Amino acid sequence: YLESPMTYEAAADVAKLIYIYYLLYTDKDKPQIEDEEILVAKFLLSWSFNKLSDYFGLKKFEARRKIKKSIKIIYNWLFK
């Protein structure tokens, strides 16, 4: 999903688990995420992309891009 043309829907379960791990991690070396409210709305509140777009005033592709960017930051922090 992060490096290939895989869709969000194909990786949504893993992306959610990565984000939950990030939330539960308490050390100070945790990276800061700019658009964390979008991640909370998508992963914890299970909002659709339509609702995300309407609430945050974004286009659907922008919401998807912000989620992917944030998950990539967390992934790189965890595994690289």
C-alpha atoms as a PDB file:
ATOM      1  CA  TYR A   1       0.000   0.000   0.000  1.00  0.00           C
ATOM      2  CA  LEU A   2       2.761   2.463   0.880  1.00  0.00           C
ATOM      3  CA  GLU A   3       5.083   1.635  -2.015  1.00  0.00           C
ATOM      4  CA  SER A   4       2.766   0.112  -4.598  1.00  0.00           C
ATOM      5  CA  PRO A   5      -0.500   0.779  -6.415  1.00  0.00           C
ATOM      6  CA  MET A   6      -2.460  -1.187  -3.773  1.00  0.00           C
ATOM      7  CA  THR A   7      -5.637   0.576  -2.671  1.00  0.00           C
ATOM      8  CA  TYR A   8      -6.424   1.832   0.810  1.00  0.00           C
ATOM      9  CA  GLU A   9      -9.232  -0.697   1.138  1.00  0.00           C
ATOM     10  CA  ALA A  10      -6.805  -3.602   0.643  1.00  0.00           C
ATOM     11  CA  ALA A  11      -4.569  -2.368   3.476  1.00  0.00           C
ATOM     12  CA  ALA A  12      -7.120  -0.735   5.789  1.00  0.00           C
ATOM     13  CA  ASP A  13      -6.976  -3.401   8.508  1.00  0.00           C
ATOM     14  CA  VAL A  14      -3.183  -3.276   8.761  1.00  0.00           C
ATOM     15  CA  ALA A  15      -3.120   0.529   8.585  1.00  0.00           C
ATOM     16  CA  LYS A  16      -5.602   0.689  11.474  1.00  0.00           C
ATOM     17  CA  LEU A  17      -3.476  -1.669  13.584  1.00  0.00           C
ATOM     18  CA  ILE A  18      -0.342   0.389  12.883  1.00  0.00           C
ATOM     19  CA  TYR A  19      -2.159   3.543  13.980  1.00  0.00           C
ATOM     20  CA  ILE A  20      -3.515   1.921  17.151  1.00  0.00           C
ATOM     21  CA  TYR A  21      -0.001   0.757  18.050  1.00  0.00           C
ATOM     22  CA  TYR A  22       1.201   4.341  17.506  1.00  0.00           C
ATOM     23  CA  LEU A  23      -1.498   5.635  19.876  1.00  0.00           C
ATOM     24  CA  LEU A  24      -0.618   3.138  22.592  1.00  0.00           C
ATOM     25  CA  TYR A  25       3.138   3.746  22.377  1.00  0.00           C
ATOM     26  CA  THR A  26       4.186   6.113  25.154  1.00  0.00           C
ATOM     27  CA  ASP A  27       7.913   6.796  24.652  1.00  0.00           C
ATOM     28  CA  LYS A  28       9.066  10.272  23.763  1.00  0.00           C
ATOM     29  CA  ASP A  29      10.714   9.254  20.463  1.00  0.00           C
ATOM     30  CA  LYS A  30       7.309   8.845  18.814  1.00  0.00           C
ATOM     31  CA  PRO A  31       6.956  11.005  15.660  1.00  0.00           C
ATOM     32  CA  GLN A  32       4.345  13.745  15.531  1.00  0.00           C
ATOM     33  CA  ILE A  33       1.590  13.373  12.951  1.00  0.00           C
ATOM     34  CA  GLU A  34       0.181  16.551  11.378  1.00  0.00           C
ATOM     35  CA  ASP A  35      -3.290  15.313  10.438  1.00  0.00           C
ATOM     36  CA  GLU A  36      -3.983  13.068  13.390  1.00  0.00           C
ATOM     37  CA  GLU A  37      -7.617  14.157  13.652  1.00  0.00           C
ATOM     38  CA  ILE A  38      -8.231  12.623  10.221  1.00  0.00           C
ATOM     39  CA  LEU A  39      -6.718   9.331  11.389  1.00  0.00           C
ATOM     40  CA  VAL A  40      -8.883   9.367  14.516  1.00  0.00           C
ATOM     41  CA  ALA A  41     -11.996   9.976  12.434  1.00  0.00           C
ATOM     42  CA  LYS A  42     -11.161   7.241   9.931  1.00  0.00           C
ATOM     43  CA  PHE A  43      -9.739   4.506  12.142  1.00  0.00           C
ATOM     44  CA  LEU A  44     -11.412   5.029  15.516  1.00  0.00           C
ATOM     45  CA  LEU A  45     -14.740   6.544  14.482  1.00  0.00           C
ATOM     46  CA  SER A  46     -14.936   4.569  11.191  1.00  0.00           C
ATOM     47  CA  TRP A  47     -16.030   7.560   9.152  1.00  0.00           C
ATOM     48  CA  SER A  48     -16.423   7.106   5.416  1.00  0.00           C
ATOM     49  CA  PHE A  49     -14.303   9.114   3.008  1.00  0.00           C
ATOM     50  CA  ASN A  50     -17.434  11.105   2.109  1.00  0.00           C
ATOM     51  CA  LYS A  51     -17.935  12.135   5.737  1.00  0.00           C
ATOM     52  CA  LEU A  52     -14.210  12.892   6.164  1.00  0.00           C
ATOM     53  CA  SER A  53     -14.275  15.063   3.052  1.00  0.00           C
ATOM     54  CA  ASP A  54     -17.344  16.973   4.154  1.00  0.00           C
ATOM     55  CA  TYR A  55     -16.251  17.483   7.761  1.00  0.00           C
ATOM     56  CA  PHE A  56     -12.646  18.525   7.063  1.00  0.00           C
ATOM     57  CA  GLY A  57     -13.388  20.376   3.813  1.00  0.00           C
ATOM     58  CA  LEU A  58     -11.189  18.106   1.708  1.00  0.00           C
ATOM     59  CA  LYS A  59     -11.576  16.253  -1.538  1.00  0.00           C
ATOM     60  CA  LYS A  60     -11.699  12.462  -1.168  1.00  0.00           C
ATOM     61  CA  PHE A  61      -8.283  11.989  -2.751  1.00  0.00           C
ATOM     62  CA  GLU A  62      -6.784  14.541  -0.325  1.00  0.00           C
ATOM     63  CA  ALA A  63      -8.122  12.635   2.691  1.00  0.00           C
ATOM     64  CA  ARG A  64      -6.702   9.402   1.260  1.00  0.00           C
ATOM     65  CA  ARG A  65      -3.354  11.086   0.600  1.00  0.00           C
ATOM     66  CA  LYS A  66      -3.129  12.495   4.145  1.00  0.00           C
ATOM     67  CA  ILE A  67      -3.926   9.102   5.670  1.00  0.00           C
ATOM     68  CA  LYS A  68      -1.329   7.380   3.492  1.00  0.00           C
ATOM     69  CA  LYS A  69       1.297  10.003   4.339  1.00  0.00           C
ATOM     70  CA  SER A  70       0.671   9.643   8.074  1.00  0.00           C
ATOM     71  CA  ILE A  71       0.709   5.849   7.998  1.00  0.00           C
ATOM     72  CA  LYS A  72       3.964   5.979   6.027  1.00  0.00           C
ATOM     73  CA  ILE A  73       5.556   8.152   8.744  1.00  0.00           C
ATOM     74  CA  ILE A  74       4.468   5.714  11.430  1.00  0.00           C
ATOM     75  CA  TYR A  75       5.558   2.699   9.384  1.00  0.00           C
ATOM     76  CA  ASN A  76       9.014   4.169   8.775  1.00  0.00           C
ATOM     77  CA  TRP A  77       9.360   4.958  12.478  1.00  0.00           C
ATOM     78  CA  LEU A  78       8.434   1.390  13.427  1.00  0.00           C
ATOM     79  CA  PHE A  79      10.262  -0.643  10.804  1.00  0.00           C
ATOM     80  CA  LYS A  80      13.173   1.367   9.405  1.00  0.00           C
END
